[in-house]
Amino acid sequence: MTIVQHKTIHKSHRSGKQIKYIVIHQTAAKNFESTRTWFHAPESEVSAHYVVDRDGTVHQFVKESLAAWHARGFNSVSIGVEFVGLIEPMTPEQEETFKVMIAYFRSHYPTAEFIEHRELPKTTTKCPTLLFPNHGGLKKFVDKYFIQNVLS
């Protein structure tokens, strides 16, 4: 999996905290360029570790050793993954990329919970809105492909 590197000013130190969550988001834009532009805007004060474009390309904005600004109150204990698509389900290319990412995160952060942004405590967002309609939700998607990966 090729990862395209980007920079952002929206990041901070983790202060040695362990990763507890892999937080899944859906971008508020239909395309990667709009997301990239927003992540670079000083006034946005948002970022994510990874953005997965509609064609499956992975873009990294923040190193995993640092905190990205994607889930207020949970940034120092999480990795943020954004899927480009506004209110659309994942593309087949995004699904294939996410399967690889699931295996990676499970091997590097075995106790981390995959969680949708809206599932975090005290969160009022509806993000992500429609990523996993054909899979019974994020947790079923993750379990299905992690088990397949382990057994194959």
C-alpha atoms as a PDB file:
ATOM      1  CA  MET A   1       0.000   0.000   0.000  1.00  0.00           C
ATOM      2  CA  THR A   2       1.465   3.321  -1.070  1.00  0.00           C
ATOM      3  CA  ILE A   3       1.052   6.229   1.316  1.00  0.00           C
ATOM      4  CA  VAL A   4       1.337   9.799   0.054  1.00  0.00           C
ATOM      5  CA  GLN A   5       2.815  12.096   2.698  1.00  0.00           C
ATOM      6  CA  HIS A   6       1.415  15.564   3.460  1.00  0.00           C
ATOM      7  CA  LYS A   7       2.052  18.158   6.149  1.00  0.00           C
ATOM      8  CA  THR A   8      -0.332  20.005   8.418  1.00  0.00           C
ATOM      9  CA  ILE A   9       0.080  22.432  11.284  1.00  0.00           C
ATOM     10  CA  HIS A  10      -2.879  20.878  13.104  1.00  0.00           C
ATOM     11  CA  LYS A  11      -1.220  18.332  15.385  1.00  0.00           C
ATOM     12  CA  SER A  12       0.133  18.007  18.907  1.00  0.00           C
ATOM     13  CA  HIS A  13       2.104  15.653  21.173  1.00  0.00           C
ATOM     14  CA  ARG A  14       0.491  12.534  22.637  1.00  0.00           C
ATOM     15  CA  SER A  15       2.326  12.895  25.945  1.00  0.00           C
ATOM     16  CA  GLY A  16       3.117   9.189  25.970  1.00  0.00           C
ATOM     17  CA  LYS A  17      -0.520   8.052  25.929  1.00  0.00           C
ATOM     18  CA  GLN A  18      -1.442   4.656  24.453  1.00  0.00           C
ATOM     19  CA  ILE A  19      -3.689   4.334  21.398  1.00  0.00           C
ATOM     20  CA  LYS A  20      -7.147   3.217  22.560  1.00  0.00           C
ATOM     21  CA  TYR A  21      -9.199   3.992  19.447  1.00  0.00           C
ATOM     22  CA  ILE A  22      -9.010   3.897  15.673  1.00  0.00           C
ATOM     23  CA  VAL A  23     -11.610   6.572  14.910  1.00  0.00           C
ATOM     24  CA  ILE A  24     -13.331   6.351  11.535  1.00  0.00           C
ATOM     25  CA  HIS A  25     -14.609   9.518   9.861  1.00  0.00           C
ATOM     26  CA  GLN A  26     -16.186  10.538   6.581  1.00  0.00           C
ATOM     27  CA  THR A  27     -15.040  13.795   5.022  1.00  0.00           C
ATOM     28  CA  ALA A  28     -17.333  16.786   4.742  1.00  0.00           C
ATOM     29  CA  ALA A  29     -16.148  17.130   1.131  1.00  0.00           C
ATOM     30  CA  LYS A  30     -16.784  15.019  -1.964  1.00  0.00           C
ATOM     31  CA  ASN A  31     -13.156  15.053  -3.106  1.00  0.00           C
ATOM     32  CA  PHE A  32      -9.664  14.771  -1.695  1.00  0.00           C
ATOM     33  CA  GLU A  33      -8.475  18.197  -2.864  1.00  0.00           C
ATOM     34  CA  SER A  34     -11.161  19.953  -0.833  1.00  0.00           C
ATOM     35  CA  THR A  35     -10.170  17.934   2.234  1.00  0.00           C
ATOM     36  CA  ARG A  36      -6.469  18.659   1.692  1.00  0.00           C
ATOM     37  CA  THR A  37      -7.182  22.372   1.328  1.00  0.00           C
ATOM     38  CA  TRP A  38      -9.239  22.390   4.551  1.00  0.00           C
ATOM     39  CA  PHE A  39      -6.559  20.480   6.489  1.00  0.00           C
ATOM     40  CA  HIS A  40      -4.015  23.124   5.417  1.00  0.00           C
ATOM     41  CA  ALA A  41      -6.211  26.113   6.298  1.00  0.00           C
ATOM     42  CA  PRO A  42      -5.068  27.714   9.577  1.00  0.00           C
ATOM     43  CA  GLU A  43      -8.662  28.433  10.611  1.00  0.00           C
ATOM     44  CA  SER A  44      -9.815  24.798  10.253  1.00  0.00           C
ATOM     45  CA  GLU A  45      -7.922  23.467  13.271  1.00  0.00           C
ATOM     46  CA  VAL A  46      -8.651  19.908  12.078  1.00  0.00           C
ATOM     47  CA  SER A  47      -6.616  17.037  10.695  1.00  0.00           C
ATOM     48  CA  ALA A  48      -6.471  13.265  10.593  1.00  0.00           C
ATOM     49  CA  HIS A  49      -3.646  10.799  10.496  1.00  0.00           C
ATOM     50  CA  TYR A  50      -4.923   9.285   7.256  1.00  0.00           C
ATOM     51  CA  VAL A  51      -7.323  10.195   4.464  1.00  0.00           C
ATOM     52  CA  VAL A  52      -8.449   7.449   2.075  1.00  0.00           C
ATOM     53  CA  ASP A  53      -9.439   8.861  -1.311  1.00  0.00           C
ATOM     54  CA  ARG A  54     -12.233   7.414  -3.469  1.00  0.00           C
ATOM     55  CA  ASP A  55      -9.647   5.568  -5.602  1.00  0.00           C
ATOM     56  CA  GLY A  56      -8.164   3.901  -2.488  1.00  0.00           C
ATOM     57  CA  THR A  57      -5.067   6.111  -2.273  1.00  0.00           C
ATOM     58  CA  VAL A  58      -3.934   6.711   1.307  1.00  0.00           C
ATOM     59  CA  HIS A  59      -2.740  10.168   2.301  1.00  0.00           C
ATOM     60  CA  GLN A  60      -0.975  10.650   5.644  1.00  0.00           C
ATOM     61  CA  PHE A  61      -1.109  14.084   7.266  1.00  0.00           C
ATOM     62  CA  VAL A  62       0.097  13.332  10.813  1.00  0.00           C
ATOM     63  CA  LYS A  63       2.601  10.751  12.048  1.00  0.00           C
ATOM     64  CA  GLU A  64       1.080   8.152  14.347  1.00  0.00           C
ATOM     65  CA  SER A  65       3.430   9.218  17.132  1.00  0.00           C
ATOM     66  CA  LEU A  66       1.615  12.583  17.218  1.00  0.00           C
ATOM     67  CA  ALA A  67      -2.011  13.484  17.866  1.00  0.00           C
ATOM     68  CA  ALA A  68      -4.126  14.601  14.912  1.00  0.00           C
ATOM     69  CA  TRP A  69      -7.048  16.941  15.613  1.00  0.00           C
ATOM     70  CA  HIS A  70     -10.052  14.859  14.595  1.00  0.00           C
ATOM     71  CA  ALA A  71     -11.974  13.874  17.743  1.00  0.00           C
ATOM     72  CA  ARG A  72     -12.067  16.492  20.499  1.00  0.00           C
ATOM     73  CA  GLY A  73     -11.202  14.948  23.853  1.00  0.00           C
ATOM     74  CA  PHE A  74      -9.811  11.772  22.261  1.00  0.00           C
ATOM     75  CA  ASN A  75      -7.028  13.029  19.996  1.00  0.00           C
ATOM     76  CA  SER A  76      -4.192  11.966  22.304  1.00  0.00           C
ATOM     77  CA  VAL A  77      -5.472   8.378  22.527  1.00  0.00           C
ATOM     78  CA  SER A  78      -6.575   7.748  18.952  1.00  0.00           C
ATOM     79  CA  ILE A  79      -5.639   7.404  15.304  1.00  0.00           C
ATOM     80  CA  GLY A  80      -7.970   9.254  12.914  1.00  0.00           C
ATOM     81  CA  VAL A  81      -8.896   7.820   9.513  1.00  0.00           C
ATOM     82  CA  GLU A  82     -11.038   9.870   7.115  1.00  0.00           C
ATOM     83  CA  PHE A  83     -12.773   8.386   4.092  1.00  0.00           C
ATOM     84  CA  VAL A  84     -13.488  10.818   1.260  1.00  0.00           C
ATOM     85  CA  GLY A  85     -17.119  10.676   0.272  1.00  0.00           C
ATOM     86  CA  LEU A  86     -19.402  13.116   2.073  1.00  0.00           C
ATOM     87  CA  ILE A  87     -22.528  10.938   2.462  1.00  0.00           C
ATOM     88  CA  GLU A  88     -21.650   8.119   0.080  1.00  0.00           C
ATOM     89  CA  PRO A  89     -20.750   4.512   0.932  1.00  0.00           C
ATOM     90  CA  MET A  90     -17.130   3.441   0.544  1.00  0.00           C
ATOM     91  CA  THR A  91     -16.005   2.597  -2.974  1.00  0.00           C
ATOM     92  CA  PRO A  92     -14.673  -0.922  -3.664  1.00  0.00           C
ATOM     93  CA  GLU A  93     -11.182   0.638  -3.799  1.00  0.00           C
ATOM     94  CA  GLN A  94     -11.634   2.224  -0.361  1.00  0.00           C
ATOM     95  CA  GLU A  95     -12.860  -1.108   1.009  1.00  0.00           C
ATOM     96  CA  GLU A  96      -9.764  -2.921  -0.286  1.00  0.00           C
ATOM     97  CA  THR A  97      -7.487  -0.261   1.214  1.00  0.00           C
ATOM     98  CA  PHE A  98      -9.339  -0.386   4.532  1.00  0.00           C
ATOM     99  CA  LYS A  99      -8.877  -4.178   4.698  1.00  0.00           C
ATOM    100  CA  VAL A 100      -5.102  -3.646   4.532  1.00  0.00           C
ATOM    101  CA  MET A 101      -5.340  -0.874   7.125  1.00  0.00           C
ATOM    102  CA  ILE A 102      -7.342  -3.121   9.475  1.00  0.00           C
ATOM    103  CA  ALA A 103      -4.566  -5.721   9.412  1.00  0.00           C
ATOM    104  CA  TYR A 104      -1.941  -3.026   9.979  1.00  0.00           C
ATOM    105  CA  PHE A 105      -3.769  -1.409  12.913  1.00  0.00           C
ATOM    106  CA  ARG A 106      -4.551  -4.790  14.515  1.00  0.00           C
ATOM    107  CA  SER A 107      -0.867  -5.729  14.382  1.00  0.00           C
ATOM    108  CA  HIS A 108       0.401  -2.360  15.705  1.00  0.00           C
ATOM    109  CA  TYR A 109      -2.416  -1.535  18.156  1.00  0.00           C
ATOM    110  CA  PRO A 110      -3.941  -4.909  19.115  1.00  0.00           C
ATOM    111  CA  THR A 111      -6.069  -3.531  21.957  1.00  0.00           C
ATOM    112  CA  ALA A 112      -7.364  -0.463  20.092  1.00  0.00           C
ATOM    113  CA  GLU A 113     -11.081  -0.359  19.378  1.00  0.00           C
ATOM    114  CA  PHE A 114     -12.316   0.570  15.908  1.00  0.00           C
ATOM    115  CA  ILE A 115     -15.031   3.147  16.474  1.00  0.00           C
ATOM    116  CA  GLU A 116     -17.082   5.553  14.394  1.00  0.00           C
ATOM    117  CA  HIS A 117     -16.619   9.207  15.366  1.00  0.00           C
ATOM    118  CA  ARG A 118     -20.289   9.506  16.363  1.00  0.00           C
ATOM    119  CA  GLU A 119     -19.873   6.635  18.858  1.00  0.00           C
ATOM    120  CA  LEU A 120     -17.375   8.482  21.041  1.00  0.00           C
ATOM    121  CA  PRO A 121     -18.810   9.679  24.376  1.00  0.00           C
ATOM    122  CA  LYS A 122     -20.132  13.251  24.479  1.00  0.00           C
ATOM    123  CA  THR A 123     -20.003  13.538  20.679  1.00  0.00           C
ATOM    124  CA  THR A 124     -22.872  15.133  18.792  1.00  0.00           C
ATOM    125  CA  THR A 125     -21.678  14.546  15.221  1.00  0.00           C
ATOM    126  CA  LYS A 126     -23.347  12.144  12.785  1.00  0.00           C
ATOM    127  CA  CYS A 127     -19.978  11.323  11.226  1.00  0.00           C
ATOM    128  CA  PRO A 128     -19.578   8.985   9.435  1.00  0.00           C
ATOM    129  CA  THR A 129     -22.983   9.035   7.822  1.00  0.00           C
ATOM    130  CA  LEU A 130     -23.048   6.184   5.323  1.00  0.00           C
ATOM    131  CA  LEU A 131     -19.759   4.278   5.010  1.00  0.00           C
ATOM    132  CA  PHE A 132     -20.852   0.744   5.848  1.00  0.00           C
ATOM    133  CA  PRO A 133     -24.479   0.277   4.712  1.00  0.00           C
ATOM    134  CA  ASN A 134     -23.816  -3.088   3.049  1.00  0.00           C
ATOM    135  CA  HIS A 135     -21.749  -4.538   5.882  1.00  0.00           C
ATOM    136  CA  GLY A 136     -23.876  -4.134   9.010  1.00  0.00           C
ATOM    137  CA  GLY A 137     -21.722  -1.349  10.403  1.00  0.00           C
ATOM    138  CA  LEU A 138     -18.071  -0.706  11.122  1.00  0.00           C
ATOM    139  CA  LYS A 139     -17.551  -3.397  13.755  1.00  0.00           C
ATOM    140  CA  LYS A 140     -18.931  -6.182  11.541  1.00  0.00           C
ATOM    141  CA  PHE A 141     -16.785  -4.967   8.642  1.00  0.00           C
ATOM    142  CA  VAL A 142     -13.648  -4.929  10.803  1.00  0.00           C
ATOM    143  CA  ASP A 143     -14.359  -8.319  12.394  1.00  0.00           C
ATOM    144  CA  LYS A 144     -15.145  -9.958   9.047  1.00  0.00           C
ATOM    145  CA  TYR A 145     -11.970  -8.803   7.313  1.00  0.00           C
ATOM    146  CA  PHE A 146      -9.700  -9.213  10.293  1.00  0.00           C
ATOM    147  CA  ILE A 147     -10.846 -12.817  10.790  1.00  0.00           C
ATOM    148  CA  GLN A 148     -10.458 -13.525   7.054  1.00  0.00           C
ATOM    149  CA  ASN A 149      -6.951 -12.071   7.139  1.00  0.00           C
ATOM    150  CA  VAL A 150      -5.938 -14.131  10.178  1.00  0.00           C
ATOM    151  CA  LEU A 151      -7.373 -17.365   8.799  1.00  0.00           C
ATOM    152  CA  SER A 152      -5.955 -16.985   5.290  1.00  0.00           C
END
